[in-house]
Amino acid sequence: MKLTLRHARRASFGVSAVLLVTASAAWAVTNLAISQHNLRFSQTQISIHEGDTVTFNNDDEITHNISVRAGEGDTEDLGLQKPKVSVTHRFDRKGVYYVVCSIHPRMRLTVNVN
């Protein structure tokens, strides 16, 4: 039997985060939504599990370009992301990842995958 739980939280400064958890007896998958607004990610650090996904929602009025970096030379470019567009990335391996906007390098998010 599949159980789905959806929890939404809106911060006072207008940035939202949505957590979607789907569970069965043997596994759980989480999809965490991170907003990009005012040239910032809605969070600066998150912890997720191996296999979880993160959806990056561009809530800014400008284009971003998300890059996921796992180490020296290990970078995945998620492409240009116009305003009101979302892109999702699955974190398949344990480790520490650094997510940045290659257009706005001060936009940073650390993802700890357990």
Foldseek 3Di string as FASTA:
>chain_A
DKDKDKDKDADPVGWIKIWIWIDDPPDIEIEIEWEQEPNEIPDAEDEEEAFHKYKYFDQYQAKWWKWKAQDVPRIDTQDIAHHRGIDMDTRHDAGKIWIATPVRRVHIHIYGYD
